N, C-alpha and C. Protein backbone atom coordinates (compact mmCIF):
# COMPACT_ATOMS: atom_id res chain seq x y z
N UNK A 1 0.78 -1.18 0.07
CA UNK A 1 -0.08 0.08 0.05
C UNK A 1 0.89 1.25 -0.03
N UNK A 2 0.49 2.24 -0.81
CA UNK A 2 1.33 3.53 -0.76
C UNK A 2 0.37 4.63 -0.28
N UNK A 3 0.88 5.40 0.66
CA UNK A 3 0.19 6.54 1.09
C UNK A 3 1.02 7.67 0.43
N UNK A 4 0.36 8.88 0.54
CA UNK A 4 1.03 10.05 -0.18
C UNK A 4 2.38 10.19 0.51
N UNK A 5 3.47 10.08 -0.18
CA UNK A 5 4.83 10.30 0.27
C UNK A 5 5.40 9.17 1.10
N UNK A 6 4.70 8.05 1.31
CA UNK A 6 5.11 6.97 2.05
C UNK A 6 4.91 5.65 1.41
N UNK A 7 5.80 4.73 1.46
CA UNK A 7 5.63 3.37 0.93
C UNK A 7 5.43 2.49 2.19
N UNK A 8 4.31 1.96 2.47
CA UNK A 8 3.99 1.20 3.67
C UNK A 8 4.69 -0.18 3.57
N UNK A 9 5.72 -0.42 4.39
CA UNK A 9 6.36 -1.68 4.40
C UNK A 9 6.03 -2.49 5.65
N UNK A 10 5.04 -2.09 6.42
CA UNK A 10 4.64 -2.74 7.67
C UNK A 10 4.31 -4.25 7.45
N UNK A 11 3.70 -4.57 6.29
CA UNK A 11 3.28 -5.97 6.11
C UNK A 11 4.54 -6.85 5.99
N UNK A 12 5.61 -6.36 5.37
CA UNK A 12 6.81 -7.09 5.29
C UNK A 12 7.58 -7.27 6.57
N UNK A 13 7.39 -6.07 7.38
CA UNK A 13 8.15 -6.12 8.70
C UNK A 13 7.41 -7.04 9.64
N UNK A 14 6.07 -7.11 9.60
CA UNK A 14 5.33 -7.91 10.51
C UNK A 14 5.28 -9.44 10.12
N UNK A 15 5.63 -9.69 8.87
CA UNK A 15 5.63 -11.07 8.27
C UNK A 15 6.98 -11.35 7.66
N UNK A 16 8.04 -11.73 8.40
CA UNK A 16 9.27 -12.12 7.79
C UNK A 16 9.15 -13.11 6.72
N UNK A 17 9.91 -12.78 5.66
CA UNK A 17 9.90 -13.62 4.52
C UNK A 17 8.99 -13.21 3.39
N UNK A 18 8.08 -12.26 3.69
CA UNK A 18 7.07 -11.80 2.79
C UNK A 18 7.78 -10.70 1.93
N UNK A 19 7.77 -10.81 0.71
CA UNK A 19 8.29 -9.82 -0.27
C UNK A 19 7.26 -8.86 -0.87
N UNK A 20 7.49 -7.47 -0.65
CA UNK A 20 6.60 -6.44 -1.24
C UNK A 20 7.28 -5.87 -2.36
N UNK A 21 6.66 -5.54 -3.36
CA UNK A 21 7.16 -4.86 -4.54
C UNK A 21 6.29 -3.69 -4.98
N UNK A 22 6.90 -2.59 -5.27
CA UNK A 22 6.15 -1.35 -5.72
C UNK A 22 6.81 -0.67 -6.86
N UNK A 23 5.96 -0.26 -7.85
CA UNK A 23 6.42 0.57 -8.88
C UNK A 23 6.38 2.12 -8.34
N UNK A 24 7.49 2.76 -8.61
CA UNK A 24 7.58 4.12 -8.05
C UNK A 24 7.81 5.15 -9.19
N UNK A 25 7.19 6.34 -8.99
CA UNK A 25 7.37 7.58 -9.76
C UNK A 25 7.14 8.74 -8.90
N UNK A 26 8.19 9.64 -8.77
CA UNK A 26 8.09 10.89 -8.05
C UNK A 26 8.86 11.95 -8.76
N UNK A 27 8.39 13.24 -8.56
CA UNK A 27 8.96 14.42 -9.10
C UNK A 27 9.86 15.05 -8.08
N UNK A 28 10.01 14.61 -6.80
CA UNK A 28 10.86 15.15 -5.82
C UNK A 28 10.52 16.67 -5.74
N UNK A 29 9.21 16.91 -5.52
CA UNK A 29 8.69 18.30 -5.52
C UNK A 29 9.42 19.23 -4.46
N UNK A 30 9.82 18.70 -3.38
CA UNK A 30 10.40 19.50 -2.19
C UNK A 30 11.84 19.78 -2.59
N UNK A 31 12.43 19.21 -3.57
CA UNK A 31 13.89 19.53 -3.86
C UNK A 31 14.05 20.72 -4.76
N UNK A 32 14.67 21.79 -4.23
CA UNK A 32 14.97 22.91 -5.02
C UNK A 32 16.28 22.88 -5.84
N UNK A 33 17.14 22.13 -5.30
CA UNK A 33 18.52 22.06 -5.92
C UNK A 33 18.61 21.03 -6.96
N UNK A 34 17.63 20.26 -7.25
CA UNK A 34 17.65 19.10 -8.21
C UNK A 34 16.75 19.52 -9.36
N UNK A 35 17.22 19.61 -10.55
CA UNK A 35 16.35 19.98 -11.69
C UNK A 35 16.05 18.66 -12.52
N UNK A 36 14.85 18.07 -12.32
CA UNK A 36 14.57 16.84 -13.07
C UNK A 36 13.80 17.24 -14.37
N UNK A 37 14.16 16.59 -15.33
CA UNK A 37 13.52 16.69 -16.68
C UNK A 37 12.41 15.72 -16.75
N UNK A 38 12.57 14.74 -16.09
CA UNK A 38 11.65 13.49 -16.12
C UNK A 38 11.50 13.02 -14.76
N UNK A 39 10.35 12.54 -14.37
CA UNK A 39 10.17 12.02 -12.98
C UNK A 39 11.19 10.86 -12.76
N UNK A 40 11.51 10.83 -11.55
CA UNK A 40 12.36 9.71 -11.09
C UNK A 40 11.44 8.39 -10.96
N UNK A 41 11.69 7.51 -11.82
CA UNK A 41 10.89 6.32 -11.98
C UNK A 41 11.62 5.04 -11.66
N UNK A 42 11.08 3.95 -11.12
CA UNK A 42 11.66 2.70 -10.92
C UNK A 42 10.74 1.80 -10.05
N UNK A 43 11.52 1.03 -9.24
CA UNK A 43 10.79 0.08 -8.41
C UNK A 43 11.42 -0.11 -7.06
N UNK A 44 10.72 -0.54 -6.12
CA UNK A 44 11.22 -0.85 -4.71
C UNK A 44 10.71 -2.21 -4.31
N UNK A 45 11.69 -3.06 -3.81
CA UNK A 45 11.24 -4.38 -3.30
C UNK A 45 11.79 -4.30 -1.73
N UNK A 46 10.98 -5.00 -0.87
CA UNK A 46 11.40 -4.99 0.47
C UNK A 46 10.95 -6.42 1.07
N UNK A 47 11.97 -6.90 1.85
CA UNK A 47 11.54 -8.29 2.62
C UNK A 47 12.31 -8.17 4.04
N UNK A 48 11.63 -8.73 4.97
CA UNK A 48 12.15 -8.67 6.25
C UNK A 48 12.71 -10.05 6.61
N UNK A 49 13.91 -10.06 7.40
CA UNK A 49 14.36 -11.32 7.94
C UNK A 49 13.98 -11.57 9.38
N UNK A 50 13.31 -10.60 9.91
CA UNK A 50 12.94 -10.56 11.32
C UNK A 50 13.83 -9.70 12.07
N UNK A 51 15.08 -9.57 11.67
CA UNK A 51 16.07 -8.71 12.46
C UNK A 51 16.41 -7.54 11.55
N UNK A 52 16.14 -7.58 10.35
CA UNK A 52 16.54 -6.48 9.29
C UNK A 52 15.43 -6.47 8.21
N UNK A 53 15.32 -5.32 7.79
CA UNK A 53 14.47 -5.01 6.55
C UNK A 53 15.36 -4.73 5.39
N UNK A 54 15.30 -5.61 4.34
CA UNK A 54 16.20 -5.43 3.14
C UNK A 54 15.46 -4.77 2.15
N UNK A 55 15.89 -3.52 1.73
CA UNK A 55 15.24 -2.76 0.62
C UNK A 55 16.13 -2.75 -0.53
N UNK A 56 15.57 -3.16 -1.72
CA UNK A 56 16.26 -3.01 -3.03
C UNK A 56 15.50 -2.14 -3.88
N UNK A 57 16.17 -1.21 -4.59
CA UNK A 57 15.50 -0.38 -5.52
C UNK A 57 16.30 -0.09 -6.79
N UNK A 58 15.69 0.32 -7.79
CA UNK A 58 16.31 0.77 -8.97
C UNK A 58 15.56 1.96 -9.59
N UNK A 59 16.27 3.02 -9.93
CA UNK A 59 15.59 4.12 -10.48
C UNK A 59 16.34 4.72 -11.69
N UNK A 60 15.63 5.56 -12.51
CA UNK A 60 16.33 6.32 -13.49
C UNK A 60 15.53 7.63 -13.85
N UNK A 61 16.22 8.66 -14.24
CA UNK A 61 15.62 9.98 -14.59
C UNK A 61 16.51 10.74 -15.54
N UNK A 62 16.13 11.85 -15.77
CA UNK A 62 16.96 12.73 -16.64
C UNK A 62 17.04 14.05 -15.92
N UNK A 63 18.28 14.58 -15.71
CA UNK A 63 18.43 15.77 -14.90
C UNK A 63 19.16 16.88 -15.81
N UNK A 64 19.10 18.19 -15.37
CA UNK A 64 19.88 19.13 -15.90
C UNK A 64 21.05 19.51 -14.86
N UNK A 65 22.24 19.48 -15.38
CA UNK A 65 23.50 19.75 -14.53
C UNK A 65 24.24 20.89 -15.27
N UNK A 66 25.17 21.38 -14.59
CA UNK A 66 26.14 22.38 -15.25
C UNK A 66 27.45 21.81 -15.68
N UNK A 67 27.99 22.25 -16.73
CA UNK A 67 29.22 21.83 -17.24
C UNK A 67 30.24 22.34 -16.22
N UNK A 68 31.15 21.32 -15.91
CA UNK A 68 32.21 21.82 -14.88
C UNK A 68 33.10 22.86 -15.33
N UNK A 69 33.15 23.10 -16.61
CA UNK A 69 34.15 24.22 -17.08
C UNK A 69 33.45 25.51 -17.38
N UNK A 70 32.38 25.43 -18.25
CA UNK A 70 31.77 26.68 -18.69
C UNK A 70 30.47 27.08 -17.94
N UNK A 71 29.87 26.12 -17.22
CA UNK A 71 28.65 26.40 -16.50
C UNK A 71 27.36 26.29 -17.34
N UNK A 72 27.51 25.97 -18.64
CA UNK A 72 26.39 25.74 -19.50
C UNK A 72 25.46 24.57 -19.00
N UNK A 73 24.24 24.61 -19.23
CA UNK A 73 23.45 23.59 -18.80
C UNK A 73 23.51 22.30 -19.72
N UNK A 74 23.44 21.14 -19.14
CA UNK A 74 23.56 19.90 -19.85
C UNK A 74 22.47 18.98 -19.37
N UNK A 75 21.97 18.16 -20.43
CA UNK A 75 20.96 17.12 -19.96
C UNK A 75 21.73 15.94 -19.76
N UNK A 76 21.41 15.14 -18.64
CA UNK A 76 22.16 13.93 -18.25
C UNK A 76 21.29 12.89 -17.72
N UNK A 77 21.43 11.64 -18.25
CA UNK A 77 20.65 10.51 -17.75
C UNK A 77 21.32 9.93 -16.44
N UNK A 78 20.53 9.71 -15.49
CA UNK A 78 20.98 9.08 -14.26
C UNK A 78 20.27 7.76 -14.00
N UNK A 79 20.99 6.72 -13.87
CA UNK A 79 20.39 5.42 -13.43
C UNK A 79 21.16 4.86 -12.35
N UNK A 80 20.46 4.32 -11.30
CA UNK A 80 21.20 3.78 -10.14
C UNK A 80 20.33 2.85 -9.49
N UNK A 81 21.06 2.00 -8.66
CA UNK A 81 20.48 0.86 -7.94
C UNK A 81 20.77 1.17 -6.44
N UNK A 82 19.90 0.81 -5.50
CA UNK A 82 20.15 0.91 -4.02
C UNK A 82 19.87 -0.41 -3.36
N UNK A 83 20.73 -0.75 -2.49
CA UNK A 83 20.60 -1.93 -1.68
C UNK A 83 20.93 -1.59 -0.26
N UNK A 84 19.82 -1.58 0.65
CA UNK A 84 19.89 -1.06 1.97
C UNK A 84 19.42 -2.14 2.98
N UNK A 85 19.97 -2.26 4.13
CA UNK A 85 19.51 -2.99 5.30
C UNK A 85 19.17 -2.13 6.40
N UNK A 86 18.00 -2.21 6.94
CA UNK A 86 17.66 -1.35 8.16
C UNK A 86 17.27 -2.28 9.28
N UNK A 87 17.82 -1.99 10.53
CA UNK A 87 17.56 -2.98 11.66
C UNK A 87 16.12 -2.87 12.01
N UNK A 88 15.54 -4.04 12.49
CA UNK A 88 14.20 -4.08 12.97
C UNK A 88 14.32 -4.48 14.44
N UNK A 89 13.48 -3.93 15.28
CA UNK A 89 13.40 -4.33 16.73
C UNK A 89 11.97 -4.63 17.07
N UNK A 90 11.87 -5.62 17.99
CA UNK A 90 10.61 -6.01 18.38
C UNK A 90 10.21 -7.41 17.76
N UNK A 91 9.10 -7.97 18.16
CA UNK A 91 8.63 -9.19 17.65
C UNK A 91 7.54 -8.94 16.67
N UNK A 92 7.81 -9.58 15.52
CA UNK A 92 6.73 -9.34 14.42
C UNK A 92 5.41 -9.89 14.91
N UNK A 93 4.37 -9.30 14.51
CA UNK A 93 2.99 -9.56 14.96
C UNK A 93 2.50 -10.91 14.45
N UNK A 94 3.25 -11.65 13.37
CA UNK A 94 2.86 -12.94 12.98
C UNK A 94 3.23 -13.87 13.92
N UNK A 95 4.22 -13.70 14.86
CA UNK A 95 4.80 -14.56 15.84
C UNK A 95 4.05 -14.37 17.32
N UNK A 96 3.54 -13.25 17.51
CA UNK A 96 3.04 -12.99 18.82
C UNK A 96 1.78 -12.05 18.68
N UNK A 97 0.67 -12.38 19.32
CA UNK A 97 -0.47 -11.39 19.26
C UNK A 97 -0.27 -10.07 19.89
N UNK A 98 0.68 -9.95 20.89
CA UNK A 98 0.97 -8.75 21.42
C UNK A 98 2.27 -8.05 21.04
N UNK A 99 2.84 -8.70 19.99
CA UNK A 99 4.20 -8.14 19.52
C UNK A 99 3.92 -7.22 18.29
N UNK A 100 4.91 -6.34 18.09
CA UNK A 100 4.84 -5.44 16.91
C UNK A 100 6.42 -5.10 16.72
N UNK A 101 6.68 -5.29 15.45
CA UNK A 101 8.19 -4.98 15.07
C UNK A 101 8.20 -3.71 14.36
N UNK A 102 9.26 -2.90 14.51
CA UNK A 102 9.40 -1.60 13.93
C UNK A 102 10.75 -1.28 13.34
N UNK A 103 10.93 -0.71 12.21
CA UNK A 103 12.15 -0.39 11.66
C UNK A 103 12.91 0.69 12.52
N UNK A 104 14.24 0.41 12.82
CA UNK A 104 14.93 1.45 13.60
C UNK A 104 15.94 2.08 12.54
N UNK A 105 15.79 3.31 12.32
CA UNK A 105 16.63 3.99 11.30
C UNK A 105 17.44 5.06 12.05
N UNK A 106 18.77 4.94 12.12
CA UNK A 106 19.63 5.86 12.77
C UNK A 106 20.30 6.77 11.86
N UNK A 107 19.73 7.16 10.82
CA UNK A 107 20.25 8.02 9.74
C UNK A 107 20.16 9.50 10.25
N UNK A 108 21.05 10.28 9.76
CA UNK A 108 20.98 11.76 10.13
C UNK A 108 19.61 12.39 9.66
N UNK A 109 19.24 11.97 8.48
CA UNK A 109 17.90 12.31 7.95
C UNK A 109 16.90 11.27 7.99
N UNK A 110 15.80 11.46 8.57
CA UNK A 110 14.88 10.30 8.76
C UNK A 110 14.38 9.72 7.40
N UNK A 111 14.39 8.50 7.34
CA UNK A 111 13.93 7.76 6.12
C UNK A 111 12.58 7.05 6.31
N UNK A 112 12.14 6.81 7.64
CA UNK A 112 11.03 6.10 8.01
C UNK A 112 10.09 6.78 8.92
N UNK A 113 8.83 6.66 8.65
CA UNK A 113 7.82 7.13 9.54
C UNK A 113 7.01 5.89 10.00
N UNK A 114 7.37 5.41 11.31
CA UNK A 114 7.05 4.10 11.79
C UNK A 114 7.62 3.08 10.68
N UNK A 115 6.70 2.31 10.06
CA UNK A 115 7.21 1.32 9.08
C UNK A 115 6.99 1.69 7.69
N UNK A 116 6.76 3.05 7.46
CA UNK A 116 6.52 3.57 6.11
C UNK A 116 7.85 4.35 5.65
N UNK A 117 8.33 3.85 4.48
CA UNK A 117 9.57 4.48 3.91
C UNK A 117 9.20 5.74 3.33
N UNK A 118 9.88 6.79 3.73
CA UNK A 118 9.59 8.22 3.13
C UNK A 118 10.20 8.17 1.76
N UNK A 119 9.39 8.14 0.78
CA UNK A 119 9.81 8.02 -0.61
C UNK A 119 10.75 9.03 -1.09
N UNK A 120 10.41 10.29 -0.98
CA UNK A 120 11.24 11.33 -1.58
C UNK A 120 12.62 11.46 -0.86
N UNK A 121 12.62 11.21 0.54
CA UNK A 121 13.92 11.30 1.27
C UNK A 121 14.77 10.13 0.77
N UNK A 122 14.20 8.94 0.53
CA UNK A 122 15.06 7.77 0.23
C UNK A 122 15.55 7.97 -1.19
N UNK A 123 14.62 8.38 -2.16
CA UNK A 123 15.02 8.68 -3.58
C UNK A 123 16.06 9.75 -3.70
N UNK A 124 15.82 10.86 -3.02
CA UNK A 124 16.82 11.90 -2.88
C UNK A 124 18.27 11.51 -2.60
N UNK A 125 18.26 10.67 -1.46
CA UNK A 125 19.61 10.18 -1.01
C UNK A 125 20.24 9.31 -2.07
N UNK A 126 19.56 8.43 -2.77
CA UNK A 126 20.22 7.61 -3.87
C UNK A 126 20.63 8.51 -5.09
N UNK A 127 19.75 9.47 -5.37
CA UNK A 127 20.12 10.31 -6.53
C UNK A 127 21.19 11.26 -6.26
N UNK A 128 21.38 11.85 -5.07
CA UNK A 128 22.47 12.63 -4.81
C UNK A 128 23.84 11.92 -4.86
N UNK A 129 23.84 10.70 -4.35
CA UNK A 129 25.00 9.91 -4.32
C UNK A 129 25.39 9.54 -5.80
N UNK A 130 24.46 9.46 -6.72
CA UNK A 130 24.85 9.16 -7.99
C UNK A 130 24.70 10.21 -8.97
N UNK A 131 24.63 11.42 -8.43
CA UNK A 131 24.54 12.63 -9.25
C UNK A 131 25.86 12.84 -9.99
N UNK A 132 25.95 13.26 -11.21
CA UNK A 132 27.26 13.47 -11.83
C UNK A 132 27.99 14.51 -11.21
N UNK A 133 29.31 14.37 -10.95
CA UNK A 133 30.03 15.43 -10.14
C UNK A 133 30.72 16.40 -11.02
N UNK A 134 31.28 15.98 -12.08
CA UNK A 134 31.96 16.92 -13.05
C UNK A 134 31.58 16.75 -14.51
N UNK A 135 30.30 16.92 -14.86
CA UNK A 135 29.92 16.72 -16.25
C UNK A 135 30.54 17.77 -17.13
N UNK A 136 30.85 17.37 -18.36
CA UNK A 136 31.51 18.22 -19.30
C UNK A 136 30.91 18.30 -20.66
N UNK A 137 30.70 19.48 -21.18
CA UNK A 137 30.09 19.59 -22.62
C UNK A 137 30.83 18.70 -23.64
N UNK A 138 32.25 18.64 -23.48
CA UNK A 138 32.93 17.83 -24.47
C UNK A 138 33.04 16.42 -24.12
N UNK A 139 32.68 16.05 -22.79
CA UNK A 139 32.64 14.68 -22.50
C UNK A 139 34.03 14.13 -21.97
N UNK A 140 35.14 15.08 -21.93
CA UNK A 140 36.41 14.63 -21.61
C UNK A 140 37.27 15.94 -21.29
N UNK A 141 38.08 15.75 -20.24
CA UNK A 141 39.00 16.84 -19.90
C UNK A 141 40.17 17.00 -20.83
N UNK A 142 40.24 16.04 -21.77
CA UNK A 142 41.44 16.15 -22.74
C UNK A 142 40.97 17.09 -23.93
N UNK A 143 39.77 17.26 -24.14
CA UNK A 143 39.43 18.17 -25.38
C UNK A 143 38.76 19.41 -24.71
N UNK A 144 39.03 20.50 -25.42
CA UNK A 144 38.44 21.84 -24.89
C UNK A 144 36.94 21.79 -24.97
N UNK A 145 36.38 22.63 -24.05
CA UNK A 145 34.96 22.80 -23.97
C UNK A 145 34.44 23.52 -25.11
N UNK A 146 33.46 23.04 -25.93
CA UNK A 146 33.03 23.72 -27.15
C UNK A 146 32.25 25.04 -26.79
N UNK A 147 31.70 25.17 -25.62
CA UNK A 147 31.08 26.45 -25.25
C UNK A 147 31.79 27.40 -24.41
N UNK A 148 32.97 27.09 -23.99
CA UNK A 148 33.80 27.89 -23.13
C UNK A 148 34.47 29.02 -24.09
N UNK A 149 34.75 30.05 -23.46
CA UNK A 149 35.44 31.20 -24.19
C UNK A 149 36.92 30.90 -24.27
N UNK A 150 37.38 31.18 -25.42
CA UNK A 150 38.90 30.86 -25.71
C UNK A 150 39.73 32.03 -25.11
N UNK A 151 41.01 31.72 -24.83
CA UNK A 151 41.90 32.80 -24.30
C UNK A 151 42.15 33.93 -25.18
N UNK A 152 42.20 33.69 -26.50
CA UNK A 152 42.29 34.77 -27.46
C UNK A 152 41.09 35.68 -27.37
N UNK A 153 40.01 35.29 -27.29
CA UNK A 153 38.79 36.27 -27.22
C UNK A 153 38.69 36.90 -26.00
N UNK A 154 39.19 36.24 -24.91
CA UNK A 154 39.31 36.96 -23.56
C UNK A 154 40.24 38.12 -23.60
N UNK A 155 41.48 37.95 -24.26
CA UNK A 155 42.51 38.92 -24.27
C UNK A 155 41.94 40.15 -25.06
N UNK A 156 41.31 39.89 -26.14
CA UNK A 156 40.80 41.07 -26.98
C UNK A 156 39.80 41.89 -26.27
N UNK A 157 39.08 41.24 -25.30
CA UNK A 157 37.98 41.90 -24.59
C UNK A 157 38.51 42.38 -23.24
N UNK A 158 39.79 42.19 -22.93
CA UNK A 158 40.28 42.64 -21.64
C UNK A 158 40.26 41.59 -20.59
N UNK A 159 40.03 40.28 -20.91
CA UNK A 159 39.96 39.35 -19.97
C UNK A 159 38.57 38.86 -19.59
N UNK A 160 38.43 37.87 -18.71
CA UNK A 160 37.17 37.28 -18.31
C UNK A 160 36.45 38.44 -17.63
N UNK A 161 35.00 38.62 -17.90
CA UNK A 161 34.21 39.68 -17.28
C UNK A 161 34.42 39.68 -15.68
N UNK A 162 34.42 38.56 -15.04
CA UNK A 162 34.64 38.62 -13.62
C UNK A 162 35.93 39.16 -13.22
N UNK A 163 37.02 38.87 -13.95
CA UNK A 163 38.30 39.39 -13.63
C UNK A 163 38.37 40.91 -13.91
N UNK A 164 37.65 41.35 -14.99
CA UNK A 164 37.46 42.86 -15.25
C UNK A 164 36.96 43.51 -14.05
N UNK A 165 35.77 43.03 -13.44
CA UNK A 165 35.28 43.65 -12.31
C UNK A 165 36.22 43.61 -11.09
N UNK A 166 36.98 42.55 -10.91
CA UNK A 166 37.83 42.58 -9.88
C UNK A 166 39.08 43.51 -10.07
N UNK A 167 39.41 43.77 -11.28
CA UNK A 167 40.45 44.75 -11.58
C UNK A 167 40.07 46.04 -11.31
N UNK A 168 38.71 46.37 -11.72
CA UNK A 168 38.20 47.72 -11.43
C UNK A 168 38.09 47.95 -9.92
N UNK A 169 37.62 46.93 -9.16
CA UNK A 169 37.72 47.03 -7.73
C UNK A 169 39.05 47.34 -7.07
N UNK A 170 40.07 46.70 -7.56
CA UNK A 170 41.37 46.79 -7.12
C UNK A 170 41.89 48.13 -7.42
N UNK A 171 41.62 48.64 -8.60
CA UNK A 171 42.10 50.07 -8.98
C UNK A 171 41.54 51.07 -8.24
N UNK A 172 40.26 50.95 -7.85
CA UNK A 172 39.63 51.93 -6.98
C UNK A 172 40.06 51.91 -5.49
N UNK A 173 40.71 50.88 -5.07
CA UNK A 173 41.16 50.72 -3.70
C UNK A 173 42.60 51.42 -3.56
N UNK A 174 43.34 51.61 -4.62
CA UNK A 174 44.61 52.11 -4.63
C UNK A 174 44.60 53.73 -4.53
């Protein structure tokens, strides 16, 4: 069962060995720093061993990132897989009528609300770890960036605009 923003994994937690599977699609609406061109789509599977909840997931999306050289926007496909184990404490309800097992997540950012996986928090964590760190227009550091300004054109204009401003500031300080 999926509630808004949560994937309810309680049935797996209370019944060790039972596998739950969900198809997922989210836009990560709360994230201002991530520019998605397509929703983050994929699947999540969860199974409990009684002592741990094992969560496997696979996602893909298309994002806008900046070239590490020139800062121009680039479209980039991101695909990633996540495999996580979360400790479970308590006795699953299938073993005792008065027992209840619960996922214990000691993460800096909460990923669970009781036994419900916070979908956007979990997906955000995986996406940020797999986000491109230094994407380039040219695809390689060995070739020049096709959109960056050449040294010759900078010299004819008096240098990079940011450096021109700094030079003006320096000259007014003297």
